[in-house]
């Protein structure tokens, strides 16, 4: 039995039966264990307000646990990806290390160069996957500011100039524009598009960078000097480990670039090219 008494000062005393208290207590324990609990009775009064507040708190706690579980799943997935992708290069490095013992001096130099190449690939792979994990877990804070495309490209070029130099490739900016974006992460997205363009372009070629705007978004484009993309290639471009078109590539650069753009309310669009025209990747920054 429950009754309500009103004191002269206007405060309300609510008497709750022992059975109802036990029911609320058991329900709260269930909610803490991740089980559904809804004590709301949709009535008026102080007790109903308390039940509603308990439901809100329990629901918020469950949502927090769901987010944490999802983040843990993402982390486990990325750790599994790293482990799987490192197996082949590590095995290759170990094999070459063993073969070096009885190899000629010329062969030893070849093995050393190959080992350095594999180690650089492994370092880049781990770094890229950890960046993607950070982006997917939503713990990255994006700071939007005004930035010229020429400045973003200048920052990105520092990471790819050796690759371009080896292949005797050049990069030409045909236009400039100031847009709003996160400088650091946008430069990272550009780095990965430039690496992809270099990979798909022949030696002694030119990669074109353009930019512009329309009422919906600002954009930066990267056009390679390759043969373009086939229809069947488009669907897997942004899936991890599927988009590399060069032997030894990991297929992680384009998925990372897409994650960066979507994390700052942007996107990537692709024009496949073909018939002597290279593919064009557009970084889109929605206004």
C-alpha atoms as a PDB file:
ATOM      1  CA  UNK A   1       0.000   0.000   0.000  1.00  0.00           C
ATOM      2  CA  UNK A   2       1.357   3.467  -0.900  1.00  0.00           C
ATOM      3  CA  UNK A   3       0.025   6.830   0.238  1.00  0.00           C
ATOM      4  CA  UNK A   4       1.149  10.439  -0.316  1.00  0.00           C
ATOM      5  CA  UNK A   5       1.210  13.042   2.439  1.00  0.00           C
ATOM      6  CA  UNK A   6       1.632  16.779   1.835  1.00  0.00           C
ATOM      7  CA  UNK A   7       3.353  18.786   4.550  1.00  0.00           C
ATOM      8  CA  UNK A   8       2.546  22.410   5.353  1.00  0.00           C
ATOM      9  CA  UNK A   9       5.769  23.604   3.723  1.00  0.00           C
ATOM     10  CA  UNK A  10       4.605  22.257   0.362  1.00  0.00           C
ATOM     11  CA  UNK A  11       7.049  19.322   0.180  1.00  0.00           C
ATOM     12  CA  UNK A  12       5.768  15.863  -0.763  1.00  0.00           C
ATOM     13  CA  UNK A  13       6.493  12.647   1.078  1.00  0.00           C
ATOM     14  CA  UNK A  14       5.960   9.522  -1.003  1.00  0.00           C
ATOM     15  CA  UNK A  15       5.546   6.194   0.734  1.00  0.00           C
ATOM     16  CA  UNK A  16       6.647   3.236  -1.382  1.00  0.00           C
ATOM     17  CA  UNK A  17       5.892  -0.363  -0.603  1.00  0.00           C
ATOM     18  CA  UNK A  18       8.781  -2.705   0.146  1.00  0.00           C
ATOM     19  CA  UNK A  19       7.808  -4.889  -2.798  1.00  0.00           C
ATOM     20  CA  UNK A  20       8.035  -1.954  -5.236  1.00  0.00           C
ATOM     21  CA  UNK A  21      11.424  -0.942  -3.853  1.00  0.00           C
ATOM     22  CA  UNK A  22      12.710  -4.497  -4.306  1.00  0.00           C
ATOM     23  CA  UNK A  23      11.385  -4.543  -7.871  1.00  0.00           C
ATOM     24  CA  UNK A  24      13.177  -1.269  -8.706  1.00  0.00           C
ATOM     25  CA  UNK A  25      16.382  -2.482  -7.068  1.00  0.00           C
ATOM     26  CA  UNK A  26      16.360  -5.773  -8.990  1.00  0.00           C
ATOM     27  CA  UNK A  27      15.625  -3.912 -12.230  1.00  0.00           C
ATOM     28  CA  UNK A  28      18.556  -1.541 -11.717  1.00  0.00           C
ATOM     29  CA  UNK A  29      20.866  -4.526 -11.199  1.00  0.00           C
ATOM     30  CA  UNK A  30      19.570  -6.052 -14.433  1.00  0.00           C
ATOM     31  CA  UNK A  31      20.243  -2.794 -16.283  1.00  0.00           C
ATOM     32  CA  UNK A  32      23.793  -2.658 -14.901  1.00  0.00           C
ATOM     33  CA  UNK A  33      24.330  -6.186 -16.245  1.00  0.00           C
ATOM     34  CA  UNK A  34      23.241  -5.036 -19.705  1.00  0.00           C
ATOM     35  CA  UNK A  35      19.748  -6.500 -19.607  1.00  0.00           C
ATOM     36  CA  UNK A  36      16.658  -4.504 -20.649  1.00  0.00           C
ATOM     37  CA  UNK A  37      14.769  -2.740 -17.868  1.00  0.00           C
ATOM     38  CA  UNK A  38      11.902  -0.283 -18.230  1.00  0.00           C
ATOM     39  CA  UNK A  39      10.276   0.777 -14.921  1.00  0.00           C
ATOM     40  CA  UNK A  40       8.179   3.565 -16.459  1.00  0.00           C
ATOM     41  CA  UNK A  41       4.454   3.443 -15.711  1.00  0.00           C
ATOM     42  CA  UNK A  42       3.437   6.610 -17.629  1.00  0.00           C
ATOM     43  CA  UNK A  43       1.562   7.947 -14.614  1.00  0.00           C
ATOM     44  CA  UNK A  44       1.788  11.267 -12.810  1.00  0.00           C
ATOM     45  CA  UNK A  45       3.471  11.861  -9.495  1.00  0.00           C
ATOM     46  CA  UNK A  46       6.907  11.951  -7.903  1.00  0.00           C
ATOM     47  CA  UNK A  47       7.399   8.177  -8.038  1.00  0.00           C
ATOM     48  CA  UNK A  48       6.655   8.047 -11.775  1.00  0.00           C
ATOM     49  CA  UNK A  49       9.172  10.857 -12.340  1.00  0.00           C
ATOM     50  CA  UNK A  50      11.762   8.867 -10.376  1.00  0.00           C
ATOM     51  CA  UNK A  51      11.057   5.756 -12.464  1.00  0.00           C
ATOM     52  CA  UNK A  52      11.466   7.774 -15.668  1.00  0.00           C
ATOM     53  CA  UNK A  53      14.818   9.168 -14.451  1.00  0.00           C
ATOM     54  CA  UNK A  54      16.000   5.649 -13.560  1.00  0.00           C
ATOM     55  CA  UNK A  55      15.082   4.496 -17.069  1.00  0.00           C
ATOM     56  CA  UNK A  56      17.009   7.398 -18.673  1.00  0.00           C
ATOM     57  CA  UNK A  57      20.105   6.663 -16.574  1.00  0.00           C
ATOM     58  CA  UNK A  58      19.951   2.931 -17.285  1.00  0.00           C
ATOM     59  CA  UNK A  59      19.465   3.544 -21.007  1.00  0.00           C
ATOM     60  CA  UNK A  60      22.406   5.993 -21.118  1.00  0.00           C
ATOM     61  CA  UNK A  61      24.645   3.474 -19.357  1.00  0.00           C
ATOM     62  CA  UNK A  62      23.654   0.754 -21.802  1.00  0.00           C
ATOM     63  CA  UNK A  63      24.393   3.032 -24.753  1.00  0.00           C
ATOM     64  CA  UNK A  64      27.821   3.794 -23.286  1.00  0.00           C
ATOM     65  CA  UNK A  65      28.520   0.063 -22.965  1.00  0.00           C
ATOM     66  CA  UNK A  66      27.355  -0.557 -26.543  1.00  0.00           C
ATOM     67  CA  UNK A  67      29.692   2.152 -27.871  1.00  0.00           C
ATOM     68  CA  UNK A  68      32.584   0.729 -25.846  1.00  0.00           C
ATOM     69  CA  UNK A  69      31.869  -2.792 -27.111  1.00  0.00           C
ATOM     70  CA  UNK A  70      31.770  -1.529 -30.702  1.00  0.00           C
ATOM     71  CA  UNK A  71      35.102   0.255 -30.248  1.00  0.00           C
ATOM     72  CA  UNK A  72      36.619  -2.925 -28.832  1.00  0.00           C
ATOM     73  CA  UNK A  73      35.340  -4.871 -31.830  1.00  0.00           C
ATOM     74  CA  UNK A  74      36.923  -2.336 -34.194  1.00  0.00           C
ATOM     75  CA  UNK A  75      40.219  -2.542 -32.307  1.00  0.00           C
ATOM     76  CA  UNK A  76      40.197  -6.347 -32.399  1.00  0.00           C
ATOM     77  CA  UNK A  77      39.437  -6.248 -36.131  1.00  0.00           C
ATOM     78  CA  UNK A  78      42.329  -3.884 -36.851  1.00  0.00           C
ATOM     79  CA  UNK A  79      44.744  -5.883 -34.714  1.00  0.00           C
ATOM     80  CA  UNK A  80      43.687  -9.003 -36.616  1.00  0.00           C
ATOM     81  CA  UNK A  81      44.217  -7.170 -39.927  1.00  0.00           C
ATOM     82  CA  UNK A  82      47.679  -6.019 -38.871  1.00  0.00           C
ATOM     83  CA  UNK A  83      48.637  -9.519 -37.744  1.00  0.00           C
ATOM     84  CA  UNK A  84      47.361 -11.110 -40.958  1.00  0.00           C
ATOM     85  CA  UNK A  85      48.989  -8.602 -43.299  1.00  0.00           C
ATOM     86  CA  UNK A  86      52.364  -8.739 -41.525  1.00  0.00           C
ATOM     87  CA  UNK A  87      52.752 -12.511 -41.785  1.00  0.00           C
ATOM     88  CA  UNK A  88      53.978 -12.566 -45.403  1.00  0.00           C
ATOM     89  CA  UNK A  89      56.552  -9.729 -45.216  1.00  0.00           C
ATOM     90  CA  UNK A  90      57.893 -10.981 -41.876  1.00  0.00           C
ATOM     91  CA  UNK A  91      58.316 -14.488 -43.304  1.00  0.00           C
ATOM     92  CA  UNK A  92      60.084 -12.987 -46.317  1.00  0.00           C
ATOM     93  CA  UNK A  93      62.457 -10.958 -44.114  1.00  0.00           C
ATOM     94  CA  UNK A  94      63.272 -13.992 -41.943  1.00  0.00           C
ATOM     95  CA  UNK A  95      63.971 -16.147 -45.002  1.00  0.00           C
ATOM     96  CA  UNK A  96      66.282 -13.568 -46.581  1.00  0.00           C
ATOM     97  CA  UNK A  97      68.087 -13.084 -43.261  1.00  0.00           C
ATOM     98  CA  UNK A  98      68.847 -16.812 -43.165  1.00  0.00           C
ATOM     99  CA  UNK A  99      69.927 -16.923 -46.831  1.00  0.00           C
ATOM    100  CA  UNK A 100      72.319 -13.997 -46.343  1.00  0.00           C
ATOM    101  CA  UNK A 101      74.692 -16.163 -44.286  1.00  0.00           C
ATOM    102  CA  UNK A 102      75.925 -18.174 -47.262  1.00  0.00           C
ATOM    103  CA  UNK A 103      75.161 -15.660 -50.017  1.00  0.00           C
ATOM    104  CA  UNK A 104      77.687 -13.764 -52.123  1.00  0.00           C
ATOM    105  CA  UNK A 105      78.350 -10.102 -51.360  1.00  0.00           C
ATOM    106  CA  UNK A 106      76.242  -9.010 -54.338  1.00  0.00           C
ATOM    107  CA  UNK A 107      73.331 -11.201 -53.215  1.00  0.00           C
ATOM    108  CA  UNK A 108      73.652  -9.887 -49.662  1.00  0.00           C
ATOM    109  CA  UNK A 109      73.238  -6.333 -50.954  1.00  0.00           C
ATOM    110  CA  UNK A 110      70.122  -7.383 -52.892  1.00  0.00           C
ATOM    111  CA  UNK A 111      68.686  -9.062 -49.800  1.00  0.00           C
ATOM    112  CA  UNK A 112      69.404  -5.971 -47.684  1.00  0.00           C
ATOM    113  CA  UNK A 113      67.587  -3.695 -50.138  1.00  0.00           C
ATOM    114  CA  UNK A 114      64.608  -6.056 -50.209  1.00  0.00           C
ATOM    115  CA  UNK A 115      64.551  -6.262 -46.387  1.00  0.00           C
ATOM    116  CA  UNK A 116      64.567  -2.444 -46.122  1.00  0.00           C
ATOM    117  CA  UNK A 117      61.697  -2.268 -48.590  1.00  0.00           C
ATOM    118  CA  UNK A 118      59.635  -4.823 -46.642  1.00  0.00           C
ATOM    119  CA  UNK A 119      60.313  -3.070 -43.320  1.00  0.00           C
ATOM    120  CA  UNK A 120      59.170   0.284 -44.763  1.00  0.00           C
ATOM    121  CA  UNK A 121      56.005  -1.364 -46.082  1.00  0.00           C
ATOM    122  CA  UNK A 122      55.298  -2.941 -42.702  1.00  0.00           C
ATOM    123  CA  UNK A 123      55.841   0.359 -40.908  1.00  0.00           C
ATOM    124  CA  UNK A 124      53.482   2.168 -43.261  1.00  0.00           C
ATOM    125  CA  UNK A 125      50.847  -0.571 -43.010  1.00  0.00           C
ATOM    126  CA  UNK A 126      50.784  -0.544 -39.203  1.00  0.00           C
ATOM    127  CA  UNK A 127      50.680   3.271 -39.105  1.00  0.00           C
ATOM    128  CA  UNK A 128      47.841   3.448 -41.642  1.00  0.00           C
ATOM    129  CA  UNK A 129      45.726   0.812 -39.880  1.00  0.00           C
ATOM    130  CA  UNK A 130      46.187   2.471 -36.495  1.00  0.00           C
ATOM    131  CA  UNK A 131      45.110   5.790 -38.005  1.00  0.00           C
ATOM    132  CA  UNK A 132      41.988   4.133 -39.409  1.00  0.00           C
ATOM    133  CA  UNK A 133      41.243   2.561 -36.023  1.00  0.00           C
ATOM    134  CA  UNK A 134      41.574   5.973 -34.399  1.00  0.00           C
ATOM    135  CA  UNK A 135      39.212   7.534 -36.935  1.00  0.00           C
ATOM    136  CA  UNK A 136      36.624   4.744 -36.675  1.00  0.00           C
ATOM    137  CA  UNK A 137      36.584   4.936 -32.870  1.00  0.00           C
ATOM    138  CA  UNK A 138      35.603   8.638 -33.119  1.00  0.00           C
ATOM    139  CA  UNK A 139      38.314   9.766 -30.700  1.00  0.00           C
ATOM    140  CA  UNK A 140      39.900  12.117 -33.246  1.00  0.00           C
ATOM    141  CA  UNK A 141      39.086  15.799 -32.946  1.00  0.00           C
ATOM    142  CA  UNK A 142      38.965  17.598 -36.285  1.00  0.00           C
ATOM    143  CA  UNK A 143      39.853  21.275 -36.262  1.00  0.00           C
ATOM    144  CA  UNK A 144      38.482  23.098 -39.282  1.00  0.00           C
ATOM    145  CA  UNK A 145      40.351  26.162 -40.508  1.00  0.00           C
ATOM    146  CA  UNK A 146      40.952  28.045 -43.729  1.00  0.00           C
ATOM    147  CA  UNK A 147      43.662  26.433 -45.859  1.00  0.00           C
ATOM    148  CA  UNK A 148      44.892  26.991 -49.398  1.00  0.00           C
ATOM    149  CA  UNK A 149      45.066  23.906 -51.598  1.00  0.00           C
ATOM    150  CA  UNK A 150      48.625  24.876 -52.569  1.00  0.00           C
ATOM    151  CA  UNK A 151      49.637  24.772 -48.879  1.00  0.00           C
ATOM    152  CA  UNK A 152      47.947  21.397 -48.343  1.00  0.00           C
ATOM    153  CA  UNK A 153      49.683  19.992 -51.412  1.00  0.00           C
ATOM    154  CA  UNK A 154      53.035  21.395 -50.298  1.00  0.00           C
ATOM    155  CA  UNK A 155      52.673  19.572 -46.964  1.00  0.00           C
ATOM    156  CA  UNK A 156      51.624  16.318 -48.643  1.00  0.00           C
ATOM    157  CA  UNK A 157      54.489  16.408 -51.165  1.00  0.00           C
ATOM    158  CA  UNK A 158      57.082  16.017 -48.398  1.00  0.00           C
ATOM    159  CA  UNK A 159      55.879  12.443 -47.835  1.00  0.00           C
ATOM    160  CA  UNK A 160      55.795  11.363 -51.483  1.00  0.00           C
ATOM    161  CA  UNK A 161      58.683  13.234 -53.127  1.00  0.00           C
ATOM    162  CA  UNK A 162      61.027  10.220 -52.847  1.00  0.00           C
ATOM    163  CA  UNK A 163      58.457   7.930 -54.506  1.00  0.00           C
ATOM    164  CA  UNK A 164      57.914  10.478 -57.279  1.00  0.00           C
ATOM    165  CA  UNK A 165      61.646  11.004 -57.728  1.00  0.00           C
ATOM    166  CA  UNK A 166      62.302   7.278 -58.138  1.00  0.00           C
ATOM    167  CA  UNK A 167      59.678   7.089 -60.883  1.00  0.00           C
ATOM    168  CA  UNK A 168      60.631  10.485 -62.341  1.00  0.00           C
ATOM    169  CA  UNK A 169      57.072  11.746 -61.945  1.00  0.00           C
ATOM    170  CA  UNK A 170      55.957  15.343 -61.454  1.00  0.00           C
ATOM    171  CA  UNK A 171      52.905  16.905 -59.812  1.00  0.00           C
ATOM    172  CA  UNK A 172      51.261  20.031 -61.245  1.00  0.00           C
ATOM    173  CA  UNK A 173      48.635  22.176 -59.517  1.00  0.00           C
ATOM    174  CA  UNK A 174      46.422  23.785 -62.173  1.00  0.00           C
ATOM    175  CA  UNK A 175      44.373  25.995 -59.858  1.00  0.00           C
ATOM    176  CA  UNK A 176      44.270  27.191 -56.243  1.00  0.00           C
ATOM    177  CA  UNK A 177      41.493  27.665 -53.726  1.00  0.00           C
ATOM    178  CA  UNK A 178      41.045  28.387 -50.030  1.00  0.00           C
ATOM    179  CA  UNK A 179      38.700  25.951 -48.283  1.00  0.00           C
ATOM    180  CA  UNK A 180      37.701  24.963 -44.751  1.00  0.00           C
ATOM    181  CA  UNK A 181      39.152  21.661 -43.503  1.00  0.00           C
ATOM    182  CA  UNK A 182      41.429  20.002 -40.978  1.00  0.00           C
ATOM    183  CA  UNK A 183      44.913  20.748 -42.359  1.00  0.00           C
ATOM    184  CA  UNK A 184      46.736  17.748 -40.914  1.00  0.00           C
ATOM    185  CA  UNK A 185      44.195  15.063 -41.826  1.00  0.00           C
ATOM    186  CA  UNK A 186      43.382  16.523 -45.240  1.00  0.00           C
ATOM    187  CA  UNK A 187      47.097  16.506 -46.083  1.00  0.00           C
ATOM    188  CA  UNK A 188      47.109  12.842 -45.001  1.00  0.00           C
ATOM    189  CA  UNK A 189      44.231  12.087 -47.389  1.00  0.00           C
ATOM    190  CA  UNK A 190      46.113  13.877 -50.187  1.00  0.00           C
ATOM    191  CA  UNK A 191      49.262  11.850 -49.443  1.00  0.00           C
ATOM    192  CA  UNK A 192      47.355   8.618 -49.976  1.00  0.00           C
ATOM    193  CA  UNK A 193      45.736   9.839 -53.205  1.00  0.00           C
ATOM    194  CA  UNK A 194      49.141  10.953 -54.505  1.00  0.00           C
ATOM    195  CA  UNK A 195      50.648   7.558 -53.658  1.00  0.00           C
ATOM    196  CA  UNK A 196      47.800   5.864 -55.478  1.00  0.00           C
ATOM    197  CA  UNK A 197      48.217   8.171 -58.496  1.00  0.00           C
ATOM    198  CA  UNK A 198      51.962   7.484 -58.603  1.00  0.00           C
ATOM    199  CA  UNK A 199      51.320   3.748 -58.383  1.00  0.00           C
ATOM    200  CA  UNK A 200      48.906   3.887 -61.327  1.00  0.00           C
ATOM    201  CA  UNK A 201      50.960   6.219 -63.529  1.00  0.00           C
ATOM    202  CA  UNK A 202      53.894   5.214 -65.743  1.00  0.00           C
ATOM    203  CA  UNK A 203      57.382   6.546 -65.192  1.00  0.00           C
ATOM    204  CA  UNK A 204      58.205  10.023 -66.563  1.00  0.00           C
ATOM    205  CA  UNK A 205      54.562  11.099 -66.273  1.00  0.00           C
ATOM    206  CA  UNK A 206      52.652  14.004 -64.724  1.00  0.00           C
ATOM    207  CA  UNK A 207      49.985  13.889 -62.006  1.00  0.00           C
ATOM    208  CA  UNK A 208      47.464  16.744 -62.138  1.00  0.00           C
ATOM    209  CA  UNK A 209      45.914  18.449 -59.098  1.00  0.00           C
ATOM    210  CA  UNK A 210      42.921  20.734 -59.530  1.00  0.00           C
ATOM    211  CA  UNK A 211      40.342  22.325 -57.236  1.00  0.00           C
ATOM    212  CA  UNK A 212      37.113  24.294 -57.350  1.00  0.00           C
ATOM    213  CA  UNK A 213      33.779  24.927 -55.669  1.00  0.00           C
ATOM    214  CA  UNK A 214      30.038  24.842 -56.230  1.00  0.00           C
ATOM    215  CA  UNK A 215      27.037  25.729 -54.032  1.00  0.00           C
ATOM    216  CA  UNK A 216      27.217  22.338 -52.246  1.00  0.00           C
ATOM    217  CA  UNK A 217      30.913  21.674 -51.698  1.00  0.00           C
ATOM    218  CA  UNK A 218      34.544  22.615 -52.332  1.00  0.00           C
ATOM    219  CA  UNK A 219      36.700  19.994 -54.018  1.00  0.00           C
ATOM    220  CA  UNK A 220      40.266  18.918 -54.723  1.00  0.00           C
ATOM    221  CA  UNK A 221      40.966  16.450 -57.538  1.00  0.00           C
ATOM    222  CA  UNK A 222      43.924  14.154 -58.219  1.00  0.00           C
ATOM    223  CA  UNK A 223      44.219  12.758 -61.763  1.00  0.00           C
ATOM    224  CA  UNK A 224      46.761  10.061 -62.562  1.00  0.00           C
ATOM    225  CA  UNK A 225      48.371   9.386 -65.938  1.00  0.00           C
ATOM    226  CA  UNK A 226      47.287   5.759 -66.094  1.00  0.00           C
ATOM    227  CA  UNK A 227      44.840   3.895 -68.297  1.00  0.00           C
ATOM    228  CA  UNK A 228      41.803   4.512 -66.110  1.00  0.00           C
ATOM    229  CA  UNK A 229      39.687   2.128 -64.066  1.00  0.00           C
ATOM    230  CA  UNK A 230      37.498  -0.744 -65.193  1.00  0.00           C
ATOM    231  CA  UNK A 231      33.919  -1.043 -63.967  1.00  0.00           C
ATOM    232  CA  UNK A 232      34.673  -4.103 -61.865  1.00  0.00           C
ATOM    233  CA  UNK A 233      37.441  -2.229 -60.023  1.00  0.00           C
ATOM    234  CA  UNK A 234      35.204   0.563 -58.735  1.00  0.00           C
ATOM    235  CA  UNK A 235      33.234  -1.480 -56.200  1.00  0.00           C
ATOM    236  CA  UNK A 236      36.331  -2.588 -54.281  1.00  0.00           C
ATOM    237  CA  UNK A 237      38.329   0.643 -54.394  1.00  0.00           C
ATOM    238  CA  UNK A 238      37.653   1.650 -50.809  1.00  0.00           C
ATOM    239  CA  UNK A 239      37.612  -1.786 -49.199  1.00  0.00           C
ATOM    240  CA  UNK A 240      40.698  -2.638 -47.170  1.00  0.00           C
ATOM    241  CA  UNK A 241      43.290  -4.841 -48.909  1.00  0.00           C
ATOM    242  CA  UNK A 242      41.302  -5.011 -52.161  1.00  0.00           C
ATOM    243  CA  UNK A 243      42.118  -1.825 -54.076  1.00  0.00           C
ATOM    244  CA  UNK A 244      45.870  -2.088 -54.674  1.00  0.00           C
ATOM    245  CA  UNK A 245      46.720  -2.290 -58.362  1.00  0.00           C
ATOM    246  CA  UNK A 246      50.438  -2.824 -57.845  1.00  0.00           C
ATOM    247  CA  UNK A 247      52.189  -5.969 -56.707  1.00  0.00           C
ATOM    248  CA  UNK A 248      53.344  -5.460 -53.127  1.00  0.00           C
ATOM    249  CA  UNK A 249      50.701  -2.820 -52.430  1.00  0.00           C
ATOM    250  CA  UNK A 250      48.486  -3.218 -49.383  1.00  0.00           C
ATOM    251  CA  UNK A 251      45.243  -1.608 -50.569  1.00  0.00           C
ATOM    252  CA  UNK A 252      44.866   0.539 -47.446  1.00  0.00           C
ATOM    253  CA  UNK A 253      45.611   4.075 -48.693  1.00  0.00           C
ATOM    254  CA  UNK A 254      42.252   4.740 -50.363  1.00  0.00           C
ATOM    255  CA  UNK A 255      40.155   3.354 -47.462  1.00  0.00           C
ATOM    256  CA  UNK A 256      42.170   5.579 -45.087  1.00  0.00           C
ATOM    257  CA  UNK A 257      41.585   8.642 -47.292  1.00  0.00           C
ATOM    258  CA  UNK A 258      37.838   7.925 -47.355  1.00  0.00           C
ATOM    259  CA  UNK A 259      37.719   7.530 -43.564  1.00  0.00           C
ATOM    260  CA  UNK A 260      39.446  10.904 -43.200  1.00  0.00           C
ATOM    261  CA  UNK A 261      37.010  12.654 -45.515  1.00  0.00           C
ATOM    262  CA  UNK A 262      33.883  11.149 -43.950  1.00  0.00           C
ATOM    263  CA  UNK A 263      35.137  11.980 -40.477  1.00  0.00           C
ATOM    264  CA  UNK A 264      35.092  15.671 -41.436  1.00  0.00           C
ATOM    265  CA  UNK A 265      31.709  15.518 -43.177  1.00  0.00           C
ATOM    266  CA  UNK A 266      33.178  14.998 -46.635  1.00  0.00           C
ATOM    267  CA  UNK A 267      33.404  12.255 -49.229  1.00  0.00           C
ATOM    268  CA  UNK A 268      35.451  10.932 -52.157  1.00  0.00           C
ATOM    269  CA  UNK A 269      34.084  10.601 -55.684  1.00  0.00           C
ATOM    270  CA  UNK A 270      35.827   8.771 -58.523  1.00  0.00           C
ATOM    271  CA  UNK A 271      35.730   9.382 -62.269  1.00  0.00           C
ATOM    272  CA  UNK A 272      37.141   6.184 -63.842  1.00  0.00           C
ATOM    273  CA  UNK A 273      38.622   7.705 -67.006  1.00  0.00           C
ATOM    274  CA  UNK A 274      39.722   5.263 -69.694  1.00  0.00           C
ATOM    275  CA  UNK A 275      40.676   5.460 -73.390  1.00  0.00           C
ATOM    276  CA  UNK A 276      43.981   7.107 -72.587  1.00  0.00           C
ATOM    277  CA  UNK A 277      42.627   9.230 -69.727  1.00  0.00           C
ATOM    278  CA  UNK A 278      43.636   8.498 -66.135  1.00  0.00           C
ATOM    279  CA  UNK A 279      41.260   8.127 -63.187  1.00  0.00           C
ATOM    280  CA  UNK A 280      40.338  11.201 -61.135  1.00  0.00           C
ATOM    281  CA  UNK A 281      39.667  11.152 -57.395  1.00  0.00           C
ATOM    282  CA  UNK A 282      37.702  14.089 -55.947  1.00  0.00           C
ATOM    283  CA  UNK A 283      37.973  15.085 -52.280  1.00  0.00           C
ATOM    284  CA  UNK A 284      34.626  16.734 -51.495  1.00  0.00           C
ATOM    285  CA  UNK A 285      34.253  19.174 -48.573  1.00  0.00           C
ATOM    286  CA  UNK A 286      30.557  19.869 -47.982  1.00  0.00           C
ATOM    287  CA  UNK A 287      29.616  23.403 -46.953  1.00  0.00           C
END
